[in-house]
Amino acid sequence: MYRFFLSTFFLLAIPAFTQGVDAAELSRMMDELYRADSSQGQISMSVTTPHYDRTISMKVWSLGMDYTLVRIETPRKDKGVSTLKRETEMWNYLPKIKKLVRIPPSMMMGSWMGSDFTNDDLVRESSWQSDYNVTAGPLSDGKVDLIFEPKPNAPVTWQKVITRVDMEAQLPLYQEFYDEKGRKVRIITFDLVKEMGGRTIPTRMTLTPLLKEGHKTVVVYTELNFGVSLETSFFTKTELKKGRSR
């Protein structure tokens, strides 16, 4: 999904230095773990709630920071359900009723595909640079925290995001998200490190909402390729409704 889609959560921001750590450069490196000029991946997403468990398989395409297309392949009843993100706008396509739905600002905090991720997670990925400042915490035991805090009057959801990075492996370990009351409301952990698409990355991301007991969303990359042939014409509402893959 978020970078899909989930590289959604790694941020690019202004330079800052702590004990030789360039926060902006480290943030850029984390961002580019899952995303290049173009990428195509296969993802499994498992959603757990107190009432049901659901697993879906998806194909994901991205072009730069502004274009993302996600299409469900299984289960059969959801096949073809798709999400298109173009810059700051987002649409869902429901093939059973052949309906294209634009996601308005009022629904940005709504659940994405029934998971613990939100629509805002997918759309917000290209605006972190303008909305947040980043600093690096103290380097300790080979690990460092990247701390993201909103700029004055920025229209953001999170009042603070902390990313813990293993400096030796140059990989993220977890992210913590804090709301406007200063509460830690969710955490994303990264593990199952493997080589994929010529890069070493954590292939599993687990999102746990801390204020929703019994909820969890696990995303696993089963395939990821970089530098694939894609153009902006692939990321259109017309193509979304056609439901074609590459």
C-alpha atoms as a PDB file:
ATOM      1  CA  MET A   1       0.000   0.000   0.000  1.00  0.00           C
ATOM      2  CA  TYR A   2       2.013   3.334   2.176  1.00  0.00           C
ATOM      3  CA  ARG A   3       5.563   2.798  -0.660  1.00  0.00           C
ATOM      4  CA  PHE A   4       2.905   1.074  -2.113  1.00  0.00           C
ATOM      5  CA  PHE A   5       2.144   1.982  -0.984  1.00  0.00           C
ATOM      6  CA  LEU A   6       3.450   1.452   2.285  1.00  0.00           C
ATOM      7  CA  SER A   7       6.457   3.491   1.420  1.00  0.00           C
ATOM      8  CA  THR A   8       3.681   6.038   2.018  1.00  0.00           C
ATOM      9  CA  PHE A   9       5.099   6.120   5.549  1.00  0.00           C
ATOM     10  CA  PHE A  10       8.702   7.045   4.814  1.00  0.00           C
ATOM     11  CA  LEU A  11       9.183  10.743   4.550  1.00  0.00           C
ATOM     12  CA  LEU A  12      11.354  13.249   2.689  1.00  0.00           C
ATOM     13  CA  ALA A  13      12.099  16.480   4.502  1.00  0.00           C
ATOM     14  CA  ILE A  14      14.598  19.268   5.212  1.00  0.00           C
ATOM     15  CA  PRO A  15      18.188  18.558   6.279  1.00  0.00           C
ATOM     16  CA  ALA A  16      19.109  18.031   9.926  1.00  0.00           C
ATOM     17  CA  PHE A  17      22.203  16.475  11.515  1.00  0.00           C
ATOM     18  CA  THR A  18      22.710  14.580  14.766  1.00  0.00           C
ATOM     19  CA  GLN A  19      26.001  12.789  15.519  1.00  0.00           C
ATOM     20  CA  GLY A  20      26.789  12.677  11.804  1.00  0.00           C
ATOM     21  CA  VAL A  21      23.303  11.472  10.793  1.00  0.00           C
ATOM     22  CA  ASP A  22      21.752  13.451   7.937  1.00  0.00           C
ATOM     23  CA  ALA A  23      18.052  13.093   8.722  1.00  0.00           C
ATOM     24  CA  ALA A  24      16.869  14.154   5.273  1.00  0.00           C
ATOM     25  CA  GLU A  25      19.235  11.806   3.444  1.00  0.00           C
ATOM     26  CA  LEU A  26      18.379   8.879   5.709  1.00  0.00           C
ATOM     27  CA  SER A  27      14.693   9.596   5.245  1.00  0.00           C
ATOM     28  CA  ARG A  28      15.151   9.641   1.460  1.00  0.00           C
ATOM     29  CA  MET A  29      16.922   6.278   1.592  1.00  0.00           C
ATOM     30  CA  MET A  30      14.084   4.749   3.598  1.00  0.00           C
ATOM     31  CA  ASP A  31      11.564   6.173   1.157  1.00  0.00           C
ATOM     32  CA  GLU A  32      13.302   4.638  -1.822  1.00  0.00           C
ATOM     33  CA  LEU A  33      13.452   1.144  -0.331  1.00  0.00           C
ATOM     34  CA  TYR A  34      10.072   0.290  -1.815  1.00  0.00           C
ATOM     35  CA  ARG A  35       9.776   2.775  -4.596  1.00  0.00           C
ATOM     36  CA  ALA A  36      11.843   3.949  -7.545  1.00  0.00           C
ATOM     37  CA  ASP A  37      11.017   5.962 -10.648  1.00  0.00           C
ATOM     38  CA  SER A  38       8.595   3.115 -11.343  1.00  0.00           C
ATOM     39  CA  SER A  39       7.711  -0.175  -9.680  1.00  0.00           C
ATOM     40  CA  GLN A  40       5.357  -3.130  -9.854  1.00  0.00           C
ATOM     41  CA  GLY A  41       4.631  -5.517  -7.008  1.00  0.00           C
ATOM     42  CA  GLN A  42       2.470  -8.349  -5.734  1.00  0.00           C
ATOM     43  CA  ILE A  43       1.110  -7.991  -2.217  1.00  0.00           C
ATOM     44  CA  SER A  44      -0.848 -10.098   0.240  1.00  0.00           C
ATOM     45  CA  MET A  45      -2.811  -8.178   2.888  1.00  0.00           C
ATOM     46  CA  SER A  46      -4.374  -9.894   5.901  1.00  0.00           C
ATOM     47  CA  VAL A  47      -6.881  -7.966   8.011  1.00  0.00           C
ATOM     48  CA  THR A  48      -7.776  -9.193  11.506  1.00  0.00           C
ATOM     49  CA  THR A  49     -10.647  -7.812  13.601  1.00  0.00           C
ATOM     50  CA  PRO A  50     -12.634  -9.212  16.553  1.00  0.00           C
ATOM     51  CA  HIS A  51     -15.380 -10.111  14.074  1.00  0.00           C
ATOM     52  CA  TYR A  52     -13.590 -11.514  11.015  1.00  0.00           C
ATOM     53  CA  ASP A  53     -10.331 -12.340   9.274  1.00  0.00           C
ATOM     54  CA  ARG A  54      -9.804 -11.422   5.638  1.00  0.00           C
ATOM     55  CA  THR A  55      -6.890 -11.940   3.235  1.00  0.00           C
ATOM     56  CA  ILE A  56      -6.643 -10.330  -0.178  1.00  0.00           C
ATOM     57  CA  SER A  57      -4.049 -10.516  -2.934  1.00  0.00           C
ATOM     58  CA  MET A  58      -3.267  -7.346  -4.873  1.00  0.00           C
ATOM     59  CA  LYS A  59      -1.136  -6.079  -7.713  1.00  0.00           C
ATOM     60  CA  VAL A  60       0.413  -2.625  -7.246  1.00  0.00           C
ATOM     61  CA  TRP A  61       1.988  -0.208  -9.725  1.00  0.00           C
ATOM     62  CA  SER A  62       3.665   3.124  -8.971  1.00  0.00           C
ATOM     63  CA  LEU A  63       5.225   5.902 -11.007  1.00  0.00           C
ATOM     64  CA  GLY A  64       7.255   8.401  -9.021  1.00  0.00           C
ATOM     65  CA  MET A  65       5.555   9.808  -5.932  1.00  0.00           C
ATOM     66  CA  ASP A  66       2.316  10.923  -7.546  1.00  0.00           C
ATOM     67  CA  TYR A  67       0.834   7.866  -9.250  1.00  0.00           C
ATOM     68  CA  THR A  68      -0.300   4.595  -7.687  1.00  0.00           C
ATOM     69  CA  LEU A  69      -2.699   1.901  -8.893  1.00  0.00           C
ATOM     70  CA  VAL A  70      -3.786  -1.018  -6.717  1.00  0.00           C
ATOM     71  CA  ARG A  71      -5.949  -3.853  -8.077  1.00  0.00           C
ATOM     72  CA  ILE A  72      -7.381  -6.788  -6.104  1.00  0.00           C
ATOM     73  CA  GLU A  73      -6.881 -10.232  -7.670  1.00  0.00           C
ATOM     74  CA  THR A  74      -8.323 -12.494  -4.955  1.00  0.00           C
ATOM     75  CA  PRO A  75     -10.700 -13.373  -3.368  1.00  0.00           C
ATOM     76  CA  ARG A  76     -12.891 -13.920  -6.399  1.00  0.00           C
ATOM     77  CA  LYS A  77     -15.780 -11.823  -5.079  1.00  0.00           C
ATOM     78  CA  ASP A  78     -13.510  -8.753  -4.901  1.00  0.00           C
ATOM     79  CA  LYS A  79     -11.524  -9.348  -8.084  1.00  0.00           C
ATOM     80  CA  GLY A  80     -11.039  -6.132 -10.038  1.00  0.00           C
ATOM     81  CA  VAL A  81     -11.814  -3.747  -7.179  1.00  0.00           C
ATOM     82  CA  SER A  82      -9.190  -1.038  -7.677  1.00  0.00           C
ATOM     83  CA  THR A  83      -7.805   2.194  -6.242  1.00  0.00           C
ATOM     84  CA  LEU A  84      -6.183   4.926  -8.298  1.00  0.00           C
ATOM     85  CA  LYS A  85      -4.136   7.744  -6.797  1.00  0.00           C
ATOM     86  CA  ARG A  86      -3.112  10.689  -8.989  1.00  0.00           C
ATOM     87  CA  GLU A  87      -1.259  13.374  -7.065  1.00  0.00           C
ATOM     88  CA  THR A  88      -3.659  14.363  -4.236  1.00  0.00           C
ATOM     89  CA  GLU A  89      -6.820  12.820  -5.704  1.00  0.00           C
ATOM     90  CA  MET A  90      -8.096   9.289  -5.276  1.00  0.00           C
ATOM     91  CA  TRP A  91     -10.747   7.040  -6.847  1.00  0.00           C
ATOM     92  CA  ASN A  92     -12.106   3.564  -6.194  1.00  0.00           C
ATOM     93  CA  TYR A  93     -13.542   1.392  -8.964  1.00  0.00           C
ATOM     94  CA  LEU A  94     -16.195  -1.237  -8.153  1.00  0.00           C
ATOM     95  CA  PRO A  95     -16.472  -3.583 -11.164  1.00  0.00           C
ATOM     96  CA  LYS A  96     -19.608  -5.441 -10.038  1.00  0.00           C
ATOM     97  CA  ILE A  97     -21.669  -2.274 -10.332  1.00  0.00           C
ATOM     98  CA  LYS A  98     -19.300  -0.626 -12.840  1.00  0.00           C
ATOM     99  CA  LYS A  99     -19.034   2.439 -10.644  1.00  0.00           C
ATOM    100  CA  LEU A 100     -16.123   4.870 -10.268  1.00  0.00           C
ATOM    101  CA  VAL A 101     -16.152   6.655  -6.900  1.00  0.00           C
ATOM    102  CA  ARG A 102     -14.054   9.700  -6.089  1.00  0.00           C
ATOM    103  CA  ILE A 103     -12.909   9.768  -2.466  1.00  0.00           C
ATOM    104  CA  PRO A 104     -13.760  13.227  -1.040  1.00  0.00           C
ATOM    105  CA  PRO A 105     -11.693  14.945   1.676  1.00  0.00           C
ATOM    106  CA  SER A 106     -14.335  14.022   4.266  1.00  0.00           C
ATOM    107  CA  MET A 107     -13.623  10.310   3.708  1.00  0.00           C
ATOM    108  CA  MET A 108      -9.823  10.458   3.782  1.00  0.00           C
ATOM    109  CA  MET A 109      -9.646   8.994   7.283  1.00  0.00           C
ATOM    110  CA  GLY A 110     -11.898   6.111   6.269  1.00  0.00           C
ATOM    111  CA  SER A 111     -10.585   2.557   6.047  1.00  0.00           C
ATOM    112  CA  TRP A 112      -8.733   1.595   2.859  1.00  0.00           C
ATOM    113  CA  MET A 113      -9.906  -1.777   1.498  1.00  0.00           C
ATOM    114  CA  GLY A 114     -11.320  -2.680   4.923  1.00  0.00           C
ATOM    115  CA  SER A 115      -7.873  -2.519   6.530  1.00  0.00           C
ATOM    116  CA  ASP A 116      -6.377  -0.436   9.339  1.00  0.00           C
ATOM    117  CA  PHE A 117      -4.741   1.798   6.723  1.00  0.00           C
ATOM    118  CA  THR A 118      -6.682   4.891   5.693  1.00  0.00           C
ATOM    119  CA  ASN A 119      -7.323   6.577   2.359  1.00  0.00           C
ATOM    120  CA  ASP A 120      -5.190   9.437   3.662  1.00  0.00           C
ATOM    121  CA  ASP A 121      -2.211   7.079   4.028  1.00  0.00           C
ATOM    122  CA  LEU A 122      -2.211   6.514   0.287  1.00  0.00           C
ATOM    123  CA  VAL A 123      -2.834  10.115  -0.774  1.00  0.00           C
ATOM    124  CA  ARG A 124      -0.597  11.816   1.797  1.00  0.00           C
ATOM    125  CA  GLU A 125       2.638  10.187   0.590  1.00  0.00           C
ATOM    126  CA  SER A 126       3.709  13.025  -1.710  1.00  0.00           C
ATOM    127  CA  SER A 127       2.999  15.886   0.731  1.00  0.00           C
ATOM    128  CA  TRP A 128       5.190  14.928   3.718  1.00  0.00           C
ATOM    129  CA  GLN A 129       8.035  17.076   2.443  1.00  0.00           C
ATOM    130  CA  SER A 130       5.947  20.238   2.502  1.00  0.00           C
ATOM    131  CA  ASP A 131       3.994  19.421   5.693  1.00  0.00           C
ATOM    132  CA  TYR A 132       6.612  18.009   8.069  1.00  0.00           C
ATOM    133  CA  ASN A 133      10.061  18.837   9.437  1.00  0.00           C
ATOM    134  CA  VAL A 134      12.410  15.963  10.283  1.00  0.00           C
ATOM    135  CA  THR A 135      15.172  15.694  12.885  1.00  0.00           C
ATOM    136  CA  ALA A 136      17.347  12.793  13.988  1.00  0.00           C
ATOM    137  CA  GLY A 137      17.421  11.617  17.578  1.00  0.00           C
ATOM    138  CA  PRO A 138      20.566  10.362  19.357  1.00  0.00           C
ATOM    139  CA  LEU A 139      22.435   7.459  17.773  1.00  0.00           C
ATOM    140  CA  SER A 140      22.242   4.549  20.246  1.00  0.00           C
ATOM    141  CA  ASP A 141      23.288   0.914  19.805  1.00  0.00           C
ATOM    142  CA  GLY A 142      23.507   1.415  16.063  1.00  0.00           C
ATOM    143  CA  LYS A 143      19.938   2.703  15.828  1.00  0.00           C
ATOM    144  CA  VAL A 144      18.500   6.174  15.323  1.00  0.00           C
ATOM    145  CA  ASP A 145      15.035   7.745  15.441  1.00  0.00           C
ATOM    146  CA  LEU A 146      13.793   9.978  12.649  1.00  0.00           C
ATOM    147  CA  ILE A 147      11.279  12.359  14.218  1.00  0.00           C
ATOM    148  CA  PHE A 148       8.684  14.017  11.971  1.00  0.00           C
ATOM    149  CA  GLU A 149       6.710  16.984  13.300  1.00  0.00           C
ATOM    150  CA  PRO A 150       4.237  19.149  11.369  1.00  0.00           C
ATOM    151  CA  LYS A 151       5.118  22.595  10.144  1.00  0.00           C
ATOM    152  CA  PRO A 152       2.918  25.456  11.453  1.00  0.00           C
ATOM    153  CA  ASN A 153      -0.634  25.335  10.060  1.00  0.00           C
ATOM    154  CA  ALA A 154       0.077  22.212   7.999  1.00  0.00           C
ATOM    155  CA  PRO A 155      -3.145  20.221   7.279  1.00  0.00           C
ATOM    156  CA  VAL A 156      -1.913  16.933   8.733  1.00  0.00           C
ATOM    157  CA  THR A 157      -3.338  13.942  10.570  1.00  0.00           C
ATOM    158  CA  TRP A 158      -0.382  13.053  12.774  1.00  0.00           C
ATOM    159  CA  GLN A 159       1.207  15.400  15.298  1.00  0.00           C
ATOM    160  CA  LYS A 160       4.348  13.269  15.394  1.00  0.00           C
ATOM    161  CA  VAL A 161       5.741  10.225  13.607  1.00  0.00           C
ATOM    162  CA  ILE A 162       8.864   8.396  14.803  1.00  0.00           C
ATOM    163  CA  THR A 163      10.750   5.957  12.567  1.00  0.00           C
ATOM    164  CA  ARG A 164      13.383   3.732  14.218  1.00  0.00           C
ATOM    165  CA  VAL A 165      16.173   2.838  11.761  1.00  0.00           C
ATOM    166  CA  ASP A 166      18.895   0.191  12.044  1.00  0.00           C
ATOM    167  CA  MET A 167      21.906   2.130  10.777  1.00  0.00           C
ATOM    168  CA  GLU A 168      24.089  -0.910  10.071  1.00  0.00           C
ATOM    169  CA  ALA A 169      21.451  -2.619   7.931  1.00  0.00           C
ATOM    170  CA  GLN A 170      20.074   0.739   6.672  1.00  0.00           C
ATOM    171  CA  LEU A 171      16.570  -0.609   7.209  1.00  0.00           C
ATOM    172  CA  PRO A 172      13.514   0.502   9.221  1.00  0.00           C
ATOM    173  CA  LEU A 173      12.489  -1.404  12.330  1.00  0.00           C
ATOM    174  CA  TYR A 174       9.220   0.286  13.274  1.00  0.00           C
ATOM    175  CA  GLN A 175       7.175   3.476  13.091  1.00  0.00           C
ATOM    176  CA  GLU A 176       5.057   5.108  15.810  1.00  0.00           C
ATOM    177  CA  PHE A 177       2.188   7.513  15.071  1.00  0.00           C
ATOM    178  CA  TYR A 178       0.917  10.106  17.575  1.00  0.00           C
ATOM    179  CA  ASP A 179      -2.396  11.984  17.405  1.00  0.00           C
ATOM    180  CA  GLU A 180      -3.209  15.605  18.287  1.00  0.00           C
ATOM    181  CA  LYS A 181      -3.529  14.651  21.979  1.00  0.00           C
ATOM    182  CA  GLY A 182      -0.027  13.246  22.036  1.00  0.00           C
ATOM    183  CA  ARG A 183      -1.256   9.660  22.252  1.00  0.00           C
ATOM    184  CA  LYS A 184       0.611   6.884  20.467  1.00  0.00           C
ATOM    185  CA  VAL A 185      -2.264   5.474  18.417  1.00  0.00           C
ATOM    186  CA  ARG A 186      -0.636   3.010  16.050  1.00  0.00           C
ATOM    187  CA  ILE A 187       2.631   1.253  15.293  1.00  0.00           C
ATOM    188  CA  ILE A 188       4.005  -0.349  12.128  1.00  0.00           C
ATOM    189  CA  THR A 189       6.743  -2.976  12.459  1.00  0.00           C
ATOM    190  CA  PHE A 190       9.000  -4.153   9.612  1.00  0.00           C
ATOM    191  CA  ASP A 191      10.553  -7.624   9.370  1.00  0.00           C
ATOM    192  CA  LEU A 192      11.134 -10.700   7.148  1.00  0.00           C
ATOM    193  CA  VAL A 193      14.119  -9.075   5.455  1.00  0.00           C
ATOM    194  CA  LYS A 194      14.805 -10.548   1.991  1.00  0.00           C
ATOM    195  CA  GLU A 195      16.329  -9.601  -1.338  1.00  0.00           C
ATOM    196  CA  MET A 196      13.634  -8.616  -3.806  1.00  0.00           C
ATOM    197  CA  GLY A 197      13.968  -6.763  -7.095  1.00  0.00           C
ATOM    198  CA  GLY A 198      17.699  -6.453  -6.494  1.00  0.00           C
ATOM    199  CA  ARG A 199      17.226  -4.746  -3.106  1.00  0.00           C
ATOM    200  CA  THR A 200      17.303  -5.937   0.483  1.00  0.00           C
ATOM    201  CA  ILE A 201      14.034  -4.925   2.131  1.00  0.00           C
ATOM    202  CA  PRO A 202      11.682  -5.891   4.965  1.00  0.00           C
ATOM    203  CA  THR A 203       8.987  -7.808   3.091  1.00  0.00           C
ATOM    204  CA  ARG A 204       6.451  -7.834   5.939  1.00  0.00           C
ATOM    205  CA  MET A 205       4.779  -4.785   7.530  1.00  0.00           C
ATOM    206  CA  THR A 206       2.402  -5.136  10.463  1.00  0.00           C
ATOM    207  CA  LEU A 207       0.117  -2.245  11.415  1.00  0.00           C
ATOM    208  CA  THR A 208      -1.391  -2.428  14.904  1.00  0.00           C
ATOM    209  CA  PRO A 209      -3.915   0.288  15.908  1.00  0.00           C
ATOM    210  CA  LEU A 210      -3.372   0.717  19.639  1.00  0.00           C
ATOM    211  CA  LEU A 211      -6.842   2.098  20.406  1.00  0.00           C
ATOM    212  CA  LYS A 212      -8.726  -0.691  18.582  1.00  0.00           C
ATOM    213  CA  GLU A 213      -8.388  -3.919  20.512  1.00  0.00           C
ATOM    214  CA  GLY A 214      -8.078  -7.038  18.383  1.00  0.00           C
ATOM    215  CA  HIS A 215      -7.327  -5.197  15.124  1.00  0.00           C
ATOM    216  CA  LYS A 216      -4.257  -5.798  12.968  1.00  0.00           C
ATOM    217  CA  THR A 217      -3.287  -5.480   9.293  1.00  0.00           C
ATOM    218  CA  VAL A 218      -0.330  -7.418   7.869  1.00  0.00           C
ATOM    219  CA  VAL A 219       1.078  -6.620   4.411  1.00  0.00           C
ATOM    220  CA  VAL A 220       3.560  -9.003   2.774  1.00  0.00           C
ATOM    221  CA  TYR A 221       5.376  -8.320  -0.489  1.00  0.00           C
ATOM    222  CA  THR A 222       5.647 -11.543  -2.501  1.00  0.00           C
ATOM    223  CA  GLU A 223       7.091  -9.820  -5.588  1.00  0.00           C
ATOM    224  CA  LEU A 224       8.601  -6.398  -6.253  1.00  0.00           C
ATOM    225  CA  ASN A 225      10.268  -5.105  -9.407  1.00  0.00           C
ATOM    226  CA  PHE A 226      11.776  -1.687 -10.064  1.00  0.00           C
ATOM    227  CA  GLY A 227      12.327   0.297 -13.237  1.00  0.00           C
ATOM    228  CA  VAL A 228       9.364  -1.238 -15.061  1.00  0.00           C
ATOM    229  CA  SER A 229       7.958   0.361 -18.206  1.00  0.00           C
ATOM    230  CA  LEU A 230       5.085   2.629 -17.138  1.00  0.00           C
ATOM    231  CA  GLU A 231       3.644   5.943 -18.337  1.00  0.00           C
ATOM    232  CA  THR A 232       1.181   8.384 -16.800  1.00  0.00           C
ATOM    233  CA  SER A 233      -1.426   7.186 -19.322  1.00  0.00           C
ATOM    234  CA  PHE A 234      -1.625   3.929 -17.336  1.00  0.00           C
ATOM    235  CA  PHE A 235      -2.790   5.854 -14.267  1.00  0.00           C
ATOM    236  CA  THR A 236      -6.077   7.232 -15.578  1.00  0.00           C
ATOM    237  CA  LYS A 237      -9.728   6.724 -14.699  1.00  0.00           C
ATOM    238  CA  THR A 238     -10.301   5.193 -18.126  1.00  0.00           C
ATOM    239  CA  GLU A 239      -7.602   2.590 -17.587  1.00  0.00           C
ATOM    240  CA  LEU A 240      -8.858   1.997 -14.050  1.00  0.00           C
ATOM    241  CA  LYS A 241     -12.265   0.967 -15.370  1.00  0.00           C
ATOM    242  CA  LYS A 242     -10.745  -1.284 -18.032  1.00  0.00           C
ATOM    243  CA  GLY A 243      -9.131  -3.375 -15.319  1.00  0.00           C
ATOM    244  CA  ARG A 244      -6.127  -4.349 -17.414  1.00  0.00           C
ATOM    245  CA  SER A 245      -2.899  -5.630 -15.891  1.00  0.00           C
ATOM    246  CA  ARG A 246       0.680  -5.560 -17.143  1.00  0.00           C
END
